[in-house]
mmCIF file of all heavy atoms, coordinates in Angstrom:
data_MODEL
# 
_entry.id   MODEL 
# 
loop_
_atom_site.group_PDB 
_atom_site.id 
_atom_site.type_symbol 
_atom_site.label_atom_id 
_atom_site.label_alt_id 
_atom_site.label_comp_id 
_atom_site.label_asym_id 
_atom_site.label_entity_id 
_atom_site.label_seq_id 
_atom_site.pdbx_PDB_ins_code 
_atom_site.Cartn_x 
_atom_site.Cartn_y 
_atom_site.Cartn_z 
_atom_site.occupancy 
_atom_site.B_iso_or_equiv 
_atom_site.pdbx_formal_charge 
_atom_site.auth_seq_id 
_atom_site.auth_comp_id 
_atom_site.auth_asym_id 
_atom_site.auth_atom_id 
_atom_site.pdbx_PDB_model_num 
ATOM 1   N N   . GLY A 1 1  ? -76.027 -15.931 83.737 1.00 0.00 ? 1  GLY A N   1 
ATOM 2   C CA  . GLY A 1 1  ? -77.163 -15.375 84.459 1.00 0.00 ? 1  GLY A CA  1 
ATOM 3   C C   . GLY A 1 1  ? -77.249 -15.669 85.943 1.00 0.00 ? 1  GLY A C   1 
ATOM 4   O O   . GLY A 1 1  ? -78.179 -15.261 86.639 1.00 0.00 ? 1  GLY A O   1 
ATOM 5   N N   . SER A 1 2  ? -76.330 -16.451 86.463 1.00 0.00 ? 2  SER A N   1 
ATOM 6   C CA  . SER A 1 2  ? -76.348 -16.850 87.870 1.00 0.00 ? 2  SER A CA  1 
ATOM 7   C C   . SER A 1 2  ? -76.121 -15.579 88.793 1.00 0.00 ? 2  SER A C   1 
ATOM 8   O O   . SER A 1 2  ? -75.291 -14.779 88.466 1.00 0.00 ? 2  SER A O   1 
ATOM 9   C CB  . SER A 1 2  ? -75.244 -17.823 88.155 1.00 0.00 ? 2  SER A CB  1 
ATOM 10  O OG  . SER A 1 2  ? -75.201 -18.077 89.503 1.00 0.00 ? 2  SER A OG  1 
ATOM 11  N N   . PRO A 1 3  ? -76.853 -15.499 89.916 1.00 0.00 ? 3  PRO A N   1 
ATOM 12  C CA  . PRO A 1 3  ? -76.630 -14.428 90.849 1.00 0.00 ? 3  PRO A CA  1 
ATOM 13  C C   . PRO A 1 3  ? -75.485 -14.798 91.818 1.00 0.00 ? 3  PRO A C   1 
ATOM 14  O O   . PRO A 1 3  ? -75.073 -13.989 92.675 1.00 0.00 ? 3  PRO A O   1 
ATOM 15  C CB  . PRO A 1 3  ? -77.987 -14.327 91.537 1.00 0.00 ? 3  PRO A CB  1 
ATOM 16  C CG  . PRO A 1 3  ? -78.516 -15.697 91.560 1.00 0.00 ? 3  PRO A CG  1 
ATOM 17  C CD  . PRO A 1 3  ? -78.011 -16.247 90.251 1.00 0.00 ? 3  PRO A CD  1 
ATOM 18  N N   . ASP A 1 4  ? -74.933 -15.950 91.715 1.00 0.00 ? 4  ASP A N   1 
ATOM 19  C CA  . ASP A 1 4  ? -73.836 -16.435 92.687 1.00 0.00 ? 4  ASP A CA  1 
ATOM 20  C C   . ASP A 1 4  ? -72.495 -15.941 92.083 1.00 0.00 ? 4  ASP A C   1 
ATOM 21  O O   . ASP A 1 4  ? -71.763 -16.626 91.458 1.00 0.00 ? 4  ASP A O   1 
ATOM 22  C CB  . ASP A 1 4  ? -73.878 -17.981 92.748 1.00 0.00 ? 4  ASP A CB  1 
ATOM 23  C CG  . ASP A 1 4  ? -72.965 -18.537 93.811 1.00 0.00 ? 4  ASP A CG  1 
ATOM 24  O OD1 . ASP A 1 4  ? -72.459 -17.674 94.597 1.00 0.00 ? 4  ASP A OD1 1 
ATOM 25  O OD2 . ASP A 1 4  ? -72.687 -19.670 93.770 1.00 0.00 ? 4  ASP A OD2 1 
ATOM 26  N N   . THR A 1 5  ? -72.199 -14.697 92.377 1.00 0.00 ? 5  THR A N   1 
ATOM 27  C CA  . THR A 1 5  ? -70.976 -14.018 91.938 1.00 0.00 ? 5  THR A CA  1 
ATOM 28  C C   . THR A 1 5  ? -70.263 -13.380 93.021 1.00 0.00 ? 5  THR A C   1 
ATOM 29  O O   . THR A 1 5  ? -70.796 -13.126 94.176 1.00 0.00 ? 5  THR A O   1 
ATOM 30  C CB  . THR A 1 5  ? -71.306 -12.905 90.872 1.00 0.00 ? 5  THR A CB  1 
ATOM 31  O OG1 . THR A 1 5  ? -72.171 -11.961 91.395 1.00 0.00 ? 5  THR A OG1 1 
ATOM 32  C CG2 . THR A 1 5  ? -72.000 -13.566 89.658 1.00 0.00 ? 5  THR A CG2 1 
ATOM 33  N N   . GLU A 1 6  ? -68.987 -13.043 92.833 1.00 0.00 ? 6  GLU A N   1 
ATOM 34  C CA  . GLU A 1 6  ? -68.152 -12.368 93.791 1.00 0.00 ? 6  GLU A CA  1 
ATOM 35  C C   . GLU A 1 6  ? -67.225 -11.416 93.156 1.00 0.00 ? 6  GLU A C   1 
ATOM 36  O O   . GLU A 1 6  ? -66.773 -11.611 92.050 1.00 0.00 ? 6  GLU A O   1 
ATOM 37  C CB  . GLU A 1 6  ? -67.318 -13.433 94.577 1.00 0.00 ? 6  GLU A CB  1 
ATOM 38  C CG  . GLU A 1 6  ? -66.294 -14.135 93.723 1.00 0.00 ? 6  GLU A CG  1 
ATOM 39  C CD  . GLU A 1 6  ? -65.497 -15.191 94.537 1.00 0.00 ? 6  GLU A CD  1 
ATOM 40  O OE1 . GLU A 1 6  ? -65.364 -15.039 95.763 1.00 0.00 ? 6  GLU A OE1 1 
ATOM 41  O OE2 . GLU A 1 6  ? -65.063 -16.119 93.894 1.00 0.00 ? 6  GLU A OE2 1 
ATOM 42  N N   . GLU A 1 7  ? -66.950 -10.323 93.923 1.00 0.00 ? 7  GLU A N   1 
ATOM 43  C CA  . GLU A 1 7  ? -66.021 -9.318  93.336 1.00 0.00 ? 7  GLU A CA  1 
ATOM 44  C C   . GLU A 1 7  ? -64.639 -9.789  93.701 1.00 0.00 ? 7  GLU A C   1 
ATOM 45  O O   . GLU A 1 7  ? -64.351 -10.051 94.817 1.00 0.00 ? 7  GLU A O   1 
ATOM 46  C CB  . GLU A 1 7  ? -66.325 -7.947  94.026 1.00 0.00 ? 7  GLU A CB  1 
ATOM 47  C CG  . GLU A 1 7  ? -65.437 -6.844  93.442 1.00 0.00 ? 7  GLU A CG  1 
ATOM 48  C CD  . GLU A 1 7  ? -65.730 -5.473  93.998 1.00 0.00 ? 7  GLU A CD  1 
ATOM 49  O OE1 . GLU A 1 7  ? -65.891 -5.415  95.293 1.00 0.00 ? 7  GLU A OE1 1 
ATOM 50  O OE2 . GLU A 1 7  ? -65.812 -4.516  93.230 1.00 0.00 ? 7  GLU A OE2 1 
ATOM 51  N N   . LEU A 1 8  ? -63.755 -9.764  92.644 1.00 0.00 ? 8  LEU A N   1 
ATOM 52  C CA  . LEU A 1 8  ? -62.389 -10.195 92.870 1.00 0.00 ? 8  LEU A CA  1 
ATOM 53  C C   . LEU A 1 8  ? -61.521 -8.997  93.115 1.00 0.00 ? 8  LEU A C   1 
ATOM 54  O O   . LEU A 1 8  ? -60.561 -9.093  93.857 1.00 0.00 ? 8  LEU A O   1 
ATOM 55  C CB  . LEU A 1 8  ? -61.855 -10.946 91.611 1.00 0.00 ? 8  LEU A CB  1 
ATOM 56  C CG  . LEU A 1 8  ? -62.555 -12.245 91.267 1.00 0.00 ? 8  LEU A CG  1 
ATOM 57  C CD1 . LEU A 1 8  ? -61.959 -12.839 90.013 1.00 0.00 ? 8  LEU A CD1 1 
ATOM 58  C CD2 . LEU A 1 8  ? -62.419 -13.239 92.425 1.00 0.00 ? 8  LEU A CD2 1 
ATOM 59  N N   . SER A 1 9  ? -61.828 -7.930  92.412 1.00 0.00 ? 9  SER A N   1 
ATOM 60  C CA  . SER A 1 9  ? -61.018 -6.635  92.546 1.00 0.00 ? 9  SER A CA  1 
ATOM 61  C C   . SER A 1 9  ? -61.859 -5.488  92.258 1.00 0.00 ? 9  SER A C   1 
ATOM 62  O O   . SER A 1 9  ? -62.620 -5.499  91.303 1.00 0.00 ? 9  SER A O   1 
ATOM 63  C CB  . SER A 1 9  ? -59.850 -6.732  91.622 1.00 0.00 ? 9  SER A CB  1 
ATOM 64  O OG  . SER A 1 9  ? -59.094 -5.479  91.649 1.00 0.00 ? 9  SER A OG  1 
ATOM 65  N N   . ARG A 1 10 ? -61.749 -4.448  93.039 1.00 0.00 ? 10 ARG A N   1 
ATOM 66  C CA  . ARG A 1 10 ? -62.457 -3.173  92.797 1.00 0.00 ? 10 ARG A CA  1 
ATOM 67  C C   . ARG A 1 10 ? -61.926 -2.506  91.462 1.00 0.00 ? 10 ARG A C   1 
ATOM 68  O O   . ARG A 1 10 ? -62.552 -1.651  90.915 1.00 0.00 ? 10 ARG A O   1 
ATOM 69  C CB  . ARG A 1 10 ? -62.279 -2.278  94.012 1.00 0.00 ? 10 ARG A CB  1 
ATOM 70  C CG  . ARG A 1 10 ? -62.953 -1.043  93.925 1.00 0.00 ? 10 ARG A CG  1 
ATOM 71  C CD  . ARG A 1 10 ? -64.498 -1.140  94.187 1.00 0.00 ? 10 ARG A CD  1 
ATOM 72  N NE  . ARG A 1 10 ? -65.117 0.163   94.087 1.00 0.00 ? 10 ARG A NE  1 
ATOM 73  C CZ  . ARG A 1 10 ? -66.162 0.407   93.319 1.00 0.00 ? 10 ARG A CZ  1 
ATOM 74  N NH1 . ARG A 1 10 ? -66.787 -0.524  92.726 1.00 0.00 ? 10 ARG A NH1 1 
ATOM 75  N NH2 . ARG A 1 10 ? -66.637 1.644   93.321 1.00 0.00 ? 10 ARG A NH2 1 
ATOM 76  N N   . PHE A 1 11 ? -60.728 -2.954  91.059 1.00 0.00 ? 11 PHE A N   1 
ATOM 77  C CA  . PHE A 1 11 ? -60.118 -2.362  89.875 1.00 0.00 ? 11 PHE A CA  1 
ATOM 78  C C   . PHE A 1 11 ? -60.125 -3.371  88.700 1.00 0.00 ? 11 PHE A C   1 
ATOM 79  O O   . PHE A 1 11 ? -59.617 -4.467  88.808 1.00 0.00 ? 11 PHE A O   1 
ATOM 80  C CB  . PHE A 1 11 ? -58.762 -1.962  90.224 1.00 0.00 ? 11 PHE A CB  1 
ATOM 81  C CG  . PHE A 1 11 ? -58.715 -0.986  91.378 1.00 0.00 ? 11 PHE A CG  1 
ATOM 82  C CD1 . PHE A 1 11 ? -58.389 -1.525  92.643 1.00 0.00 ? 11 PHE A CD1 1 
ATOM 83  C CD2 . PHE A 1 11 ? -59.099 0.315   91.270 1.00 0.00 ? 11 PHE A CD2 1 
ATOM 84  C CE1 . PHE A 1 11 ? -58.413 -0.711  93.781 1.00 0.00 ? 11 PHE A CE1 1 
ATOM 85  C CE2 . PHE A 1 11 ? -59.066 1.172   92.398 1.00 0.00 ? 11 PHE A CE2 1 
ATOM 86  C CZ  . PHE A 1 11 ? -58.706 0.649   93.623 1.00 0.00 ? 11 PHE A CZ  1 
ATOM 87  N N   . GLY A 1 12 ? -60.710 -3.023  87.591 1.00 0.00 ? 12 GLY A N   1 
ATOM 88  C CA  . GLY A 1 12 ? -60.855 -3.870  86.376 1.00 0.00 ? 12 GLY A CA  1 
ATOM 89  C C   . GLY A 1 12 ? -59.844 -3.407  85.371 1.00 0.00 ? 12 GLY A C   1 
ATOM 90  O O   . GLY A 1 12 ? -58.940 -2.649  85.551 1.00 0.00 ? 12 GLY A O   1 
ATOM 91  N N   . SER A 1 13 ? -60.119 -3.854  84.154 1.00 0.00 ? 13 SER A N   1 
ATOM 92  C CA  . SER A 1 13 ? -59.282 -3.444  82.998 1.00 0.00 ? 13 SER A CA  1 
ATOM 93  C C   . SER A 1 13 ? -59.387 -2.010  82.592 1.00 0.00 ? 13 SER A C   1 
ATOM 94  O O   . SER A 1 13 ? -58.523 -1.389  81.904 1.00 0.00 ? 13 SER A O   1 
ATOM 95  C CB  . SER A 1 13 ? -59.624 -4.366  81.735 1.00 0.00 ? 13 SER A CB  1 
ATOM 96  O OG  . SER A 1 13 ? -60.983 -4.187  81.412 1.00 0.00 ? 13 SER A OG  1 
ATOM 97  N N   . THR A 1 14 ? -60.464 -1.384  82.967 1.00 0.00 ? 14 THR A N   1 
ATOM 98  C CA  . THR A 1 14 ? -60.594 0.105   82.809 1.00 0.00 ? 14 THR A CA  1 
ATOM 99  C C   . THR A 1 14 ? -60.988 0.734   84.091 1.00 0.00 ? 14 THR A C   1 
ATOM 100 O O   . THR A 1 14 ? -61.414 0.017   85.072 1.00 0.00 ? 14 THR A O   1 
ATOM 101 C CB  . THR A 1 14 ? -61.662 0.422   81.770 1.00 0.00 ? 14 THR A CB  1 
ATOM 102 O OG1 . THR A 1 14 ? -62.971 0.043   82.273 1.00 0.00 ? 14 THR A OG1 1 
ATOM 103 C CG2 . THR A 1 14 ? -61.487 -0.253  80.427 1.00 0.00 ? 14 THR A CG2 1 
ATOM 104 N N   . ALA A 1 15 ? -60.781 2.022   84.289 1.00 0.00 ? 15 ALA A N   1 
ATOM 105 C CA  . ALA A 1 15 ? -61.009 2.697   85.515 1.00 0.00 ? 15 ALA A CA  1 
ATOM 106 C C   . ALA A 1 15 ? -62.458 2.648   85.963 1.00 0.00 ? 15 ALA A C   1 
ATOM 107 O O   . ALA A 1 15 ? -62.784 2.765   87.131 1.00 0.00 ? 15 ALA A O   1 
ATOM 108 C CB  . ALA A 1 15 ? -60.487 4.125   85.465 1.00 0.00 ? 15 ALA A CB  1 
ATOM 109 N N   . CYS A 1 16 ? -63.423 2.422   85.072 1.00 0.00 ? 16 CYS A N   1 
ATOM 110 C CA  . CYS A 1 16 ? -64.817 2.449   85.381 1.00 0.00 ? 16 CYS A CA  1 
ATOM 111 C C   . CYS A 1 16 ? -65.403 1.045   85.524 1.00 0.00 ? 16 CYS A C   1 
ATOM 112 O O   . CYS A 1 16 ? -66.601 0.928   85.658 1.00 0.00 ? 16 CYS A O   1 
ATOM 113 C CB  . CYS A 1 16 ? -65.606 3.243   84.335 1.00 0.00 ? 16 CYS A CB  1 
ATOM 114 S SG  . CYS A 1 16 ? -65.483 2.648   82.691 1.00 0.00 ? 16 CYS A SG  1 
ATOM 115 N N   . THR A 1 17 ? -64.532 0.053   85.597 1.00 0.00 ? 17 THR A N   1 
ATOM 116 C CA  . THR A 1 17 ? -65.030 -1.319  85.824 1.00 0.00 ? 17 THR A CA  1 
ATOM 117 C C   . THR A 1 17 ? -64.301 -1.938  87.005 1.00 0.00 ? 17 THR A C   1 
ATOM 118 O O   . THR A 1 17 ? -63.259 -1.528  87.391 1.00 0.00 ? 17 THR A O   1 
ATOM 119 C CB  . THR A 1 17 ? -64.861 -2.194  84.574 1.00 0.00 ? 17 THR A CB  1 
ATOM 120 O OG1 . THR A 1 17 ? -63.402 -2.310  84.249 1.00 0.00 ? 17 THR A OG1 1 
ATOM 121 C CG2 . THR A 1 17 ? -65.669 -1.683  83.339 1.00 0.00 ? 17 THR A CG2 1 
ATOM 122 N N   . SER A 1 18 ? -64.998 -2.952  87.565 1.00 0.00 ? 18 SER A N   1 
ATOM 123 C CA  . SER A 1 18 ? -64.301 -3.857  88.614 1.00 0.00 ? 18 SER A CA  1 
ATOM 124 C C   . SER A 1 18 ? -64.335 -5.258  88.065 1.00 0.00 ? 18 SER A C   1 
ATOM 125 O O   . SER A 1 18 ? -65.052 -5.582  87.083 1.00 0.00 ? 18 SER A O   1 
ATOM 126 C CB  . SER A 1 18 ? -65.119 -3.678  89.904 1.00 0.00 ? 18 SER A CB  1 
ATOM 127 O OG  . SER A 1 18 ? -66.485 -3.987  89.720 1.00 0.00 ? 18 SER A OG  1 
ATOM 128 N N   . LEU A 1 19 ? -63.513 -6.151  88.625 1.00 0.00 ? 19 LEU A N   1 
ATOM 129 C CA  . LEU A 1 19 ? -63.432 -7.509  88.171 1.00 0.00 ? 19 LEU A CA  1 
ATOM 130 C C   . LEU A 1 19 ? -64.260 -8.441  89.069 1.00 0.00 ? 19 LEU A C   1 
ATOM 131 O O   . LEU A 1 19 ? -64.046 -8.449  90.325 1.00 0.00 ? 19 LEU A O   1 
ATOM 132 C CB  . LEU A 1 19 ? -61.962 -7.912  88.184 1.00 0.00 ? 19 LEU A CB  1 
ATOM 133 C CG  . LEU A 1 19 ? -61.744 -9.332  87.670 1.00 0.00 ? 19 LEU A CG  1 
ATOM 134 C CD1 . LEU A 1 19 ? -62.153 -9.522  86.223 1.00 0.00 ? 19 LEU A CD1 1 
ATOM 135 C CD2 . LEU A 1 19 ? -60.211 -9.632  87.739 1.00 0.00 ? 19 LEU A CD2 1 
ATOM 136 N N   . TRP A 1 20 ? -65.129 -9.155  88.519 1.00 0.00 ? 20 TRP A N   1 
ATOM 137 C CA  . TRP A 1 20 ? -65.984 -10.177 89.183 1.00 0.00 ? 20 TRP A CA  1 
ATOM 138 C C   . TRP A 1 20 ? -65.748 -11.513 88.646 1.00 0.00 ? 20 TRP A C   1 
ATOM 139 O O   . TRP A 1 20 ? -65.205 -11.705 87.564 1.00 0.00 ? 20 TRP A O   1 
ATOM 140 C CB  . TRP A 1 20 ? -67.430 -9.757  88.992 1.00 0.00 ? 20 TRP A CB  1 
ATOM 141 C CG  . TRP A 1 20 ? -67.757 -8.559  89.774 1.00 0.00 ? 20 TRP A CG  1 
ATOM 142 C CD1 . TRP A 1 20 ? -67.422 -7.277  89.622 1.00 0.00 ? 20 TRP A CD1 1 
ATOM 143 C CD2 . TRP A 1 20 ? -68.620 -8.572  90.904 1.00 0.00 ? 20 TRP A CD2 1 
ATOM 144 N NE1 . TRP A 1 20 ? -67.877 -6.451  90.522 1.00 0.00 ? 20 TRP A NE1 1 
ATOM 145 C CE2 . TRP A 1 20 ? -68.721 -7.208  91.323 1.00 0.00 ? 20 TRP A CE2 1 
ATOM 146 C CE3 . TRP A 1 20 ? -69.360 -9.455  91.612 1.00 0.00 ? 20 TRP A CE3 1 
ATOM 147 C CZ2 . TRP A 1 20 ? -69.422 -6.780  92.505 1.00 0.00 ? 20 TRP A CZ2 1 
ATOM 148 C CZ3 . TRP A 1 20 ? -70.125 -9.075  92.749 1.00 0.00 ? 20 TRP A CZ3 1 
ATOM 149 C CH2 . TRP A 1 20 ? -70.187 -7.748  93.121 1.00 0.00 ? 20 TRP A CH2 1 
ATOM 150 N N   . ARG A 1 21 ? -66.242 -12.562 89.410 1.00 0.00 ? 21 ARG A N   1 
ATOM 151 C CA  . ARG A 1 21 ? -66.232 -13.962 88.979 1.00 0.00 ? 21 ARG A CA  1 
ATOM 152 C C   . ARG A 1 21 ? -67.556 -14.617 89.356 1.00 0.00 ? 21 ARG A C   1 
ATOM 153 O O   . ARG A 1 21 ? -68.085 -14.364 90.361 1.00 0.00 ? 21 ARG A O   1 
ATOM 154 C CB  . ARG A 1 21 ? -65.098 -14.750 89.547 1.00 0.00 ? 21 ARG A CB  1 
ATOM 155 C CG  . ARG A 1 21 ? -65.087 -16.240 89.240 1.00 0.00 ? 21 ARG A CG  1 
ATOM 156 C CD  . ARG A 1 21 ? -63.908 -17.013 89.765 1.00 0.00 ? 21 ARG A CD  1 
ATOM 157 N NE  . ARG A 1 21 ? -63.809 -16.809 91.208 1.00 0.00 ? 21 ARG A NE  1 
ATOM 158 C CZ  . ARG A 1 21 ? -62.668 -16.822 91.912 1.00 0.00 ? 21 ARG A CZ  1 
ATOM 159 N NH1 . ARG A 1 21 ? -61.509 -17.064 91.246 1.00 0.00 ? 21 ARG A NH1 1 
ATOM 160 N NH2 . ARG A 1 21 ? -62.687 -16.696 93.182 1.00 0.00 ? 21 ARG A NH2 1 
ATOM 161 N N   . CYS A 1 22 ? -67.998 -15.449 88.402 1.00 0.00 ? 22 CYS A N   1 
ATOM 162 C CA  . CYS A 1 22 ? -69.248 -16.205 88.631 1.00 0.00 ? 22 CYS A CA  1 
ATOM 163 C C   . CYS A 1 22 ? -68.848 -17.508 89.298 1.00 0.00 ? 22 CYS A C   1 
ATOM 164 O O   . CYS A 1 22 ? -67.957 -18.261 88.874 1.00 0.00 ? 22 CYS A O   1 
ATOM 165 C CB  . CYS A 1 22 ? -69.893 -16.474 87.360 1.00 0.00 ? 22 CYS A CB  1 
ATOM 166 S SG  . CYS A 1 22 ? -71.386 -17.554 87.521 1.00 0.00 ? 22 CYS A SG  1 
ATOM 167 N N   . ARG A 1 23 ? -69.443 -17.873 90.436 1.00 0.00 ? 23 ARG A N   1 
ATOM 168 C CA  . ARG A 1 23 ? -69.197 -19.102 91.114 1.00 0.00 ? 23 ARG A CA  1 
ATOM 169 C C   . ARG A 1 23 ? -69.838 -20.276 90.357 1.00 0.00 ? 23 ARG A C   1 
ATOM 170 O O   . ARG A 1 23 ? -69.369 -21.393 90.527 1.00 0.00 ? 23 ARG A O   1 
ATOM 171 C CB  . ARG A 1 23 ? -69.625 -19.023 92.542 1.00 0.00 ? 23 ARG A CB  1 
ATOM 172 C CG  . ARG A 1 23 ? -68.812 -18.068 93.417 1.00 0.00 ? 23 ARG A CG  1 
ATOM 173 C CD  . ARG A 1 23 ? -69.354 -18.128 94.818 1.00 0.00 ? 23 ARG A CD  1 
ATOM 174 N NE  . ARG A 1 23 ? -68.649 -17.199 95.679 1.00 0.00 ? 23 ARG A NE  1 
ATOM 175 C CZ  . ARG A 1 23 ? -69.181 -16.102 96.304 1.00 0.00 ? 23 ARG A CZ  1 
ATOM 176 N NH1 . ARG A 1 23 ? -70.515 -15.926 96.210 1.00 0.00 ? 23 ARG A NH1 1 
ATOM 177 N NH2 . ARG A 1 23 ? -68.456 -15.335 96.990 1.00 0.00 ? 23 ARG A NH2 1 
ATOM 178 N N   . ALA A 1 24 ? -70.801 -20.044 89.627 1.00 0.00 ? 24 ALA A N   1 
ATOM 179 C CA  . ALA A 1 24 ? -71.577 -21.120 88.904 1.00 0.00 ? 24 ALA A CA  1 
ATOM 180 C C   . ALA A 1 24 ? -70.790 -21.596 87.715 1.00 0.00 ? 24 ALA A C   1 
ATOM 181 O O   . ALA A 1 24 ? -70.606 -22.852 87.519 1.00 0.00 ? 24 ALA A O   1 
ATOM 182 C CB  . ALA A 1 24 ? -72.962 -20.703 88.530 1.00 0.00 ? 24 ALA A CB  1 
ATOM 183 N N   . CYS A 1 25 ? -70.380 -20.671 86.823 1.00 0.00 ? 25 CYS A N   1 
ATOM 184 C CA  . CYS A 1 25 ? -69.731 -21.058 85.606 1.00 0.00 ? 25 CYS A CA  1 
ATOM 185 C C   . CYS A 1 25 ? -68.233 -20.805 85.650 1.00 0.00 ? 25 CYS A C   1 
ATOM 186 O O   . CYS A 1 25 ? -67.435 -21.108 84.779 1.00 0.00 ? 25 CYS A O   1 
ATOM 187 C CB  . CYS A 1 25 ? -70.303 -20.382 84.387 1.00 0.00 ? 25 CYS A CB  1 
ATOM 188 S SG  . CYS A 1 25 ? -70.005 -18.616 84.205 1.00 0.00 ? 25 CYS A SG  1 
ATOM 189 N N   . ALA A 1 26 ? -67.775 -20.148 86.755 1.00 0.00 ? 26 ALA A N   1 
ATOM 190 C CA  . ALA A 1 26 ? -66.295 -19.928 87.030 1.00 0.00 ? 26 ALA A CA  1 
ATOM 191 C C   . ALA A 1 26 ? -65.691 -18.923 86.074 1.00 0.00 ? 26 ALA A C   1 
ATOM 192 O O   . ALA A 1 26 ? -64.459 -18.751 86.025 1.00 0.00 ? 26 ALA A O   1 
ATOM 193 C CB  . ALA A 1 26 ? -65.487 -21.225 87.021 1.00 0.00 ? 26 ALA A CB  1 
ATOM 194 N N   . GLU A 1 27 ? -66.438 -18.176 85.298 1.00 0.00 ? 27 GLU A N   1 
ATOM 195 C CA  . GLU A 1 27 ? -66.005 -17.214 84.321 1.00 0.00 ? 27 GLU A CA  1 
ATOM 196 C C   . GLU A 1 27 ? -65.813 -15.867 85.018 1.00 0.00 ? 27 GLU A C   1 
ATOM 197 O O   . GLU A 1 27 ? -66.643 -15.398 85.740 1.00 0.00 ? 27 GLU A O   1 
ATOM 198 C CB  . GLU A 1 27 ? -66.893 -17.045 83.189 1.00 0.00 ? 27 GLU A CB  1 
ATOM 199 C CG  . GLU A 1 27 ? -66.876 -18.247 82.166 1.00 0.00 ? 27 GLU A CG  1 
ATOM 200 C CD  . GLU A 1 27 ? -65.563 -18.409 81.474 1.00 0.00 ? 27 GLU A CD  1 
ATOM 201 O OE1 . GLU A 1 27 ? -64.996 -17.320 81.052 1.00 0.00 ? 27 GLU A OE1 1 
ATOM 202 O OE2 . GLU A 1 27 ? -65.089 -19.560 81.366 1.00 0.00 ? 27 GLU A OE2 1 
# 
């Protein structure tokens, strides 16, 4: 639930998703 996140890649595992990471839990 942390708002402290960052986008890692505009391209995710599917064309309609992007890849993000949480800075709080590192997931």
